Amino acid sequence: MGGDRVRSILAGNLKLYRSRRNWSQADLAEKSDLSVVYLSDIERGNKWPYLDTLVKLAEALEMEVFELLKPQDALSAATASIVTKFSEETTAIIEKSLETMRKNTLQSLTNLKDQYCERRGA
């Protein structure tokens, strides 16, 4: 595997792991004590970081350095990002549906109780 490929993997993994944490580049740059411009260059594959910089990035992301350089087996970084976004949106829809169902169930039970009480009182 050539250096350009490794740099591309690093760039994709940084974006992937950062986005999974819902961090901006500024967030990761701050946590790893790097400039946003430098981090952006690494994520675009324009800069090749020193080992100590890789260590800072890995520590900020709470992972091992090798994980930043490891190719994604099943999904590309772009695909993984799409899957993550889809999962988040699906979860939000399900939560909203459950809340609506809870409200409707509560209203139905309240109506049923009111009808039962009216019949008993008559």
N, C-alpha and C. Protein backbone atom coordinates (compact mmCIF):
# COMPACT_ATOMS: atom_id res chain seq x y z
N MET A 1 0.86 -1.17 0.00
CA MET A 1 0.00 0.00 0.00
C MET A 1 0.90 1.23 0.00
N GLY A 2 0.66 2.14 -0.93
CA GLY A 2 1.48 3.33 -1.07
C GLY A 2 1.14 4.41 -0.05
N GLY A 3 2.06 5.37 0.05
CA GLY A 3 1.88 6.48 0.99
C GLY A 3 0.64 7.30 0.73
N ASP A 4 0.31 7.50 -0.56
CA ASP A 4 -0.90 8.27 -0.89
C ASP A 4 -2.14 7.55 -0.39
N ARG A 5 -2.14 6.23 -0.49
CA ARG A 5 -3.29 5.44 -0.01
C ARG A 5 -3.43 5.54 1.51
N VAL A 6 -2.29 5.46 2.21
CA VAL A 6 -2.32 5.57 3.68
C VAL A 6 -2.79 6.96 4.09
N ARG A 7 -2.33 7.98 3.41
CA ARG A 7 -2.75 9.36 3.71
C ARG A 7 -4.25 9.51 3.48
N SER A 8 -4.75 8.90 2.41
CA SER A 8 -6.19 8.94 2.11
C SER A 8 -7.00 8.21 3.18
N ILE A 9 -6.50 7.08 3.65
CA ILE A 9 -7.17 6.33 4.71
C ILE A 9 -7.21 7.16 5.99
N LEU A 10 -6.07 7.76 6.34
CA LEU A 10 -6.01 8.61 7.53
C LEU A 10 -7.02 9.75 7.43
N ALA A 11 -7.05 10.41 6.29
CA ALA A 11 -7.98 11.53 6.09
C ALA A 11 -9.43 11.08 6.27
N GLY A 12 -9.78 9.98 5.64
CA GLY A 12 -11.14 9.47 5.74
C GLY A 12 -11.50 9.04 7.15
N ASN A 13 -10.55 8.37 7.83
CA ASN A 13 -10.82 7.91 9.19
C ASN A 13 -10.97 9.08 10.16
N LEU A 14 -10.15 10.09 10.01
CA LEU A 14 -10.29 11.27 10.89
C LEU A 14 -11.68 11.88 10.74
N LYS A 15 -12.12 12.06 9.49
CA LYS A 15 -13.46 12.62 9.25
C LYS A 15 -14.53 11.71 9.83
N LEU A 16 -14.38 10.41 9.61
CA LEU A 16 -15.37 9.43 10.08
C LEU A 16 -15.48 9.45 11.60
N TYR A 17 -14.36 9.28 12.29
CA TYR A 17 -14.39 9.19 13.75
C TYR A 17 -14.80 10.53 14.38
N ARG A 18 -14.41 11.62 13.76
CA ARG A 18 -14.80 12.95 14.26
C ARG A 18 -16.31 13.13 14.09
N SER A 19 -16.84 12.78 12.94
CA SER A 19 -18.28 12.96 12.68
C SER A 19 -19.11 12.02 13.55
N ARG A 20 -18.60 10.84 13.85
CA ARG A 20 -19.33 9.92 14.73
C ARG A 20 -19.53 10.51 16.13
N ARG A 21 -18.63 11.40 16.50
CA ARG A 21 -18.74 12.06 17.80
C ARG A 21 -19.47 13.40 17.69
N ASN A 22 -19.94 13.71 16.50
CA ASN A 22 -20.59 15.00 16.23
C ASN A 22 -19.68 16.17 16.58
N TRP A 23 -18.40 16.00 16.28
CA TRP A 23 -17.42 17.06 16.53
C TRP A 23 -17.14 17.79 15.23
N SER A 24 -16.95 19.08 15.34
CA SER A 24 -16.48 19.87 14.22
C SER A 24 -14.96 19.73 14.15
N GLN A 25 -14.38 20.23 13.08
CA GLN A 25 -12.92 20.23 13.02
C GLN A 25 -12.35 21.07 14.16
N ALA A 26 -13.04 22.15 14.50
CA ALA A 26 -12.58 23.01 15.60
C ALA A 26 -12.57 22.23 16.92
N ASP A 27 -13.59 21.39 17.12
CA ASP A 27 -13.64 20.59 18.35
C ASP A 27 -12.44 19.65 18.44
N LEU A 28 -12.19 18.90 17.36
CA LEU A 28 -11.07 17.97 17.37
C LEU A 28 -9.73 18.71 17.46
N ALA A 29 -9.62 19.82 16.75
CA ALA A 29 -8.38 20.59 16.79
C ALA A 29 -8.08 21.05 18.23
N GLU A 30 -9.12 21.53 18.91
CA GLU A 30 -8.93 21.98 20.29
C GLU A 30 -8.53 20.81 21.21
N LYS A 31 -9.22 19.69 21.06
CA LYS A 31 -8.95 18.53 21.93
C LYS A 31 -7.57 17.92 21.67
N SER A 32 -7.05 18.10 20.47
CA SER A 32 -5.75 17.53 20.14
C SER A 32 -4.64 18.59 20.09
N ASP A 33 -4.98 19.82 20.47
CA ASP A 33 -4.01 20.92 20.52
C ASP A 33 -3.35 21.17 19.16
N LEU A 34 -4.19 21.18 18.12
CA LEU A 34 -3.74 21.48 16.76
C LEU A 34 -4.52 22.68 16.24
N SER A 35 -4.02 23.28 15.18
CA SER A 35 -4.80 24.35 14.55
C SER A 35 -5.85 23.73 13.63
N VAL A 36 -6.94 24.44 13.45
CA VAL A 36 -8.01 23.96 12.56
C VAL A 36 -7.48 23.86 11.13
N VAL A 37 -6.66 24.81 10.73
CA VAL A 37 -6.11 24.80 9.37
C VAL A 37 -5.27 23.55 9.15
N TYR A 38 -4.43 23.21 10.12
CA TYR A 38 -3.58 22.02 10.00
C TYR A 38 -4.43 20.75 9.97
N LEU A 39 -5.41 20.66 10.86
CA LEU A 39 -6.29 19.50 10.88
C LEU A 39 -7.04 19.37 9.55
N SER A 40 -7.52 20.48 9.04
CA SER A 40 -8.21 20.47 7.75
C SER A 40 -7.31 19.96 6.64
N ASP A 41 -6.06 20.39 6.66
CA ASP A 41 -5.09 19.90 5.66
C ASP A 41 -4.88 18.39 5.77
N ILE A 42 -4.84 17.88 7.00
CA ILE A 42 -4.67 16.43 7.19
C ILE A 42 -5.91 15.71 6.67
N GLU A 43 -7.10 16.23 7.01
CA GLU A 43 -8.35 15.58 6.58
C GLU A 43 -8.54 15.62 5.07
N ARG A 44 -7.94 16.59 4.40
CA ARG A 44 -8.03 16.65 2.94
C ARG A 44 -6.91 15.87 2.28
N GLY A 45 -6.01 15.32 3.09
CA GLY A 45 -4.90 14.55 2.55
C GLY A 45 -3.78 15.41 2.02
N ASN A 46 -3.75 16.70 2.37
CA ASN A 46 -2.72 17.61 1.88
C ASN A 46 -1.47 17.62 2.76
N LYS A 47 -1.62 17.20 4.01
CA LYS A 47 -0.48 17.18 4.93
C LYS A 47 -0.34 15.79 5.53
N TRP A 48 0.90 15.41 5.76
CA TRP A 48 1.19 14.13 6.40
C TRP A 48 1.72 14.46 7.79
N PRO A 49 0.95 14.10 8.84
CA PRO A 49 1.34 14.51 10.20
C PRO A 49 2.51 13.70 10.74
N TYR A 50 3.23 14.32 11.67
CA TYR A 50 4.26 13.60 12.41
C TYR A 50 3.60 12.60 13.34
N LEU A 51 4.39 11.65 13.82
CA LEU A 51 3.87 10.62 14.70
C LEU A 51 3.27 11.21 15.98
N ASP A 52 3.91 12.22 16.56
CA ASP A 52 3.36 12.80 17.79
C ASP A 52 2.01 13.46 17.53
N THR A 53 1.79 13.95 16.34
CA THR A 53 0.48 14.53 15.98
C THR A 53 -0.56 13.42 15.87
N LEU A 54 -0.18 12.29 15.28
CA LEU A 54 -1.09 11.14 15.21
C LEU A 54 -1.47 10.67 16.60
N VAL A 55 -0.52 10.69 17.51
CA VAL A 55 -0.79 10.29 18.90
C VAL A 55 -1.78 11.25 19.53
N LYS A 56 -1.59 12.55 19.33
CA LYS A 56 -2.53 13.55 19.87
C LYS A 56 -3.93 13.34 19.33
N LEU A 57 -4.03 13.08 18.03
CA LEU A 57 -5.35 12.87 17.41
C LEU A 57 -6.01 11.60 17.96
N ALA A 58 -5.23 10.53 18.06
CA ALA A 58 -5.76 9.27 18.58
C ALA A 58 -6.23 9.44 20.02
N GLU A 59 -5.45 10.12 20.83
CA GLU A 59 -5.83 10.33 22.23
C GLU A 59 -7.10 11.16 22.33
N ALA A 60 -7.21 12.20 21.51
CA ALA A 60 -8.41 13.04 21.52
C ALA A 60 -9.64 12.23 21.13
N LEU A 61 -9.47 11.30 20.19
CA LEU A 61 -10.58 10.46 19.73
C LEU A 61 -10.75 9.20 20.58
N GLU A 62 -9.90 9.06 21.60
CA GLU A 62 -9.95 7.91 22.51
C GLU A 62 -9.82 6.58 21.75
N MET A 63 -8.77 6.51 20.96
CA MET A 63 -8.51 5.30 20.19
C MET A 63 -7.00 5.12 20.05
N GLU A 64 -6.62 4.02 19.43
CA GLU A 64 -5.21 3.74 19.20
C GLU A 64 -4.79 4.33 17.85
N VAL A 65 -3.52 4.67 17.73
CA VAL A 65 -3.00 5.28 16.49
C VAL A 65 -3.26 4.37 15.29
N PHE A 66 -3.05 3.07 15.45
CA PHE A 66 -3.22 2.16 14.31
C PHE A 66 -4.64 2.22 13.75
N GLU A 67 -5.63 2.53 14.60
CA GLU A 67 -7.01 2.59 14.12
C GLU A 67 -7.21 3.74 13.14
N LEU A 68 -6.41 4.79 13.29
CA LEU A 68 -6.50 5.92 12.35
C LEU A 68 -5.95 5.55 10.98
N LEU A 69 -5.07 4.57 10.95
CA LEU A 69 -4.41 4.18 9.70
C LEU A 69 -4.97 2.90 9.09
N LYS A 70 -5.92 2.31 9.79
CA LYS A 70 -6.48 1.02 9.35
C LYS A 70 -7.59 1.26 8.33
N PRO A 71 -7.52 0.58 7.18
CA PRO A 71 -8.59 0.73 6.18
C PRO A 71 -9.92 0.24 6.74
N GLN A 72 -10.97 0.89 6.36
CA GLN A 72 -12.31 0.45 6.76
C GLN A 72 -12.64 -0.77 5.92
N ASP A 73 -12.97 -1.87 6.58
CA ASP A 73 -13.21 -3.13 5.88
C ASP A 73 -14.46 -3.09 5.01
N ALA A 74 -15.57 -2.75 5.61
CA ALA A 74 -16.84 -2.89 4.90
C ALA A 74 -17.29 -1.60 4.23
N LEU A 75 -17.04 -0.48 4.85
CA LEU A 75 -17.61 0.77 4.35
C LEU A 75 -16.54 1.83 4.14
N SER A 76 -16.69 2.61 3.12
CA SER A 76 -15.82 3.77 2.95
C SER A 76 -16.23 4.81 3.98
N ALA A 77 -15.41 5.80 4.21
CA ALA A 77 -15.73 6.85 5.18
C ALA A 77 -17.00 7.58 4.76
N ALA A 78 -17.15 7.83 3.46
CA ALA A 78 -18.35 8.53 2.99
C ALA A 78 -19.60 7.69 3.23
N THR A 79 -19.52 6.41 2.94
CA THR A 79 -20.66 5.52 3.15
C THR A 79 -20.99 5.40 4.62
N ALA A 80 -19.96 5.25 5.46
CA ALA A 80 -20.18 5.16 6.90
C ALA A 80 -20.84 6.42 7.43
N SER A 81 -20.44 7.56 6.89
CA SER A 81 -21.05 8.83 7.32
C SER A 81 -22.53 8.86 6.95
N ILE A 82 -22.86 8.39 5.76
CA ILE A 82 -24.25 8.34 5.31
C ILE A 82 -25.05 7.38 6.19
N VAL A 83 -24.48 6.22 6.50
CA VAL A 83 -25.15 5.24 7.34
C VAL A 83 -25.38 5.82 8.74
N THR A 84 -24.39 6.51 9.27
CA THR A 84 -24.53 7.14 10.59
C THR A 84 -25.64 8.17 10.58
N LYS A 85 -25.67 9.00 9.56
CA LYS A 85 -26.71 10.03 9.44
C LYS A 85 -28.09 9.38 9.31
N PHE A 86 -28.19 8.35 8.49
CA PHE A 86 -29.46 7.62 8.32
C PHE A 86 -29.92 7.05 9.65
N SER A 87 -29.00 6.46 10.40
CA SER A 87 -29.33 5.87 11.69
C SER A 87 -29.84 6.93 12.66
N GLU A 88 -29.18 8.08 12.70
CA GLU A 88 -29.60 9.16 13.59
C GLU A 88 -30.99 9.66 13.22
N GLU A 89 -31.24 9.85 11.93
CA GLU A 89 -32.54 10.35 11.48
C GLU A 89 -33.64 9.32 11.72
N THR A 90 -33.34 8.05 11.50
CA THR A 90 -34.31 6.99 11.76
C THR A 90 -34.67 6.94 13.24
N THR A 91 -33.66 7.03 14.09
CA THR A 91 -33.90 7.05 15.54
C THR A 91 -34.79 8.21 15.93
N ALA A 92 -34.55 9.38 15.37
CA ALA A 92 -35.38 10.55 15.68
C ALA A 92 -36.83 10.34 15.25
N ILE A 93 -37.04 9.75 14.09
CA ILE A 93 -38.39 9.48 13.60
C ILE A 93 -39.10 8.48 14.52
N ILE A 94 -38.39 7.43 14.92
CA ILE A 94 -38.98 6.43 15.80
C ILE A 94 -39.34 7.05 17.15
N GLU A 95 -38.45 7.86 17.70
CA GLU A 95 -38.73 8.51 18.98
C GLU A 95 -39.95 9.42 18.88
N LYS A 96 -40.05 10.16 17.79
CA LYS A 96 -41.20 11.05 17.60
C LYS A 96 -42.48 10.22 17.46
N SER A 97 -42.41 9.12 16.73
CA SER A 97 -43.57 8.24 16.57
C SER A 97 -44.01 7.65 17.89
N LEU A 98 -43.06 7.22 18.71
CA LEU A 98 -43.38 6.66 20.01
C LEU A 98 -44.03 7.70 20.92
N GLU A 99 -43.53 8.92 20.87
CA GLU A 99 -44.12 10.00 21.67
C GLU A 99 -45.55 10.28 21.23
N THR A 100 -45.78 10.31 19.92
CA THR A 100 -47.14 10.51 19.39
C THR A 100 -48.05 9.36 19.82
N MET A 101 -47.54 8.15 19.76
CA MET A 101 -48.32 6.98 20.16
C MET A 101 -48.66 7.05 21.65
N ARG A 102 -47.71 7.48 22.48
CA ARG A 102 -47.97 7.61 23.92
C ARG A 102 -49.08 8.63 24.17
N LYS A 103 -48.99 9.77 23.48
CA LYS A 103 -50.01 10.80 23.66
C LYS A 103 -51.38 10.31 23.21
N ASN A 104 -51.43 9.65 22.07
CA ASN A 104 -52.70 9.12 21.57
C ASN A 104 -53.28 8.07 22.50
N THR A 105 -52.43 7.20 23.02
CA THR A 105 -52.89 6.16 23.95
C THR A 105 -53.43 6.80 25.22
N LEU A 106 -52.72 7.78 25.75
CA LEU A 106 -53.18 8.47 26.95
C LEU A 106 -54.52 9.14 26.70
N GLN A 107 -54.67 9.79 25.56
CA GLN A 107 -55.94 10.45 25.23
C GLN A 107 -57.06 9.43 25.09
N SER A 108 -56.78 8.30 24.45
CA SER A 108 -57.79 7.25 24.29
C SER A 108 -58.21 6.68 25.64
N LEU A 109 -57.27 6.45 26.50
CA LEU A 109 -57.59 5.93 27.84
C LEU A 109 -58.39 6.95 28.65
N THR A 110 -58.03 8.22 28.52
CA THR A 110 -58.79 9.27 29.21
C THR A 110 -60.22 9.32 28.70
N ASN A 111 -60.41 9.24 27.40
CA ASN A 111 -61.76 9.23 26.81
C ASN A 111 -62.55 8.02 27.28
N LEU A 112 -61.91 6.86 27.30
CA LEU A 112 -62.58 5.64 27.75
C LEU A 112 -63.00 5.75 29.21
N LYS A 113 -62.12 6.29 30.04
CA LYS A 113 -62.43 6.49 31.46
C LYS A 113 -63.62 7.43 31.61
N ASP A 114 -63.60 8.54 30.84
CA ASP A 114 -64.70 9.50 30.90
C ASP A 114 -66.02 8.86 30.49
N GLN A 115 -65.99 8.06 29.43
CA GLN A 115 -67.22 7.37 28.98
C GLN A 115 -67.71 6.40 30.04
N TYR A 116 -66.78 5.67 30.65
CA TYR A 116 -67.16 4.69 31.67
C TYR A 116 -67.77 5.39 32.88
N CYS A 117 -67.17 6.50 33.28
CA CYS A 117 -67.69 7.25 34.42
C CYS A 117 -69.06 7.85 34.12
N GLU A 118 -69.27 8.31 32.90
CA GLU A 118 -70.58 8.85 32.52
C GLU A 118 -71.65 7.77 32.59
N ARG A 119 -71.33 6.57 32.12
CA ARG A 119 -72.29 5.47 32.15
C ARG A 119 -72.62 5.03 33.58
N ARG A 120 -71.62 5.00 34.41
CA ARG A 120 -71.83 4.60 35.80
C ARG A 120 -72.65 5.63 36.54
N GLY A 121 -72.46 6.91 36.18
CA GLY A 121 -73.17 7.99 36.85
C GLY A 121 -74.62 8.10 36.39
N ALA A 122 -74.93 7.57 35.20
CA ALA A 122 -76.29 7.70 34.66
C ALA A 122 -77.24 6.72 35.23
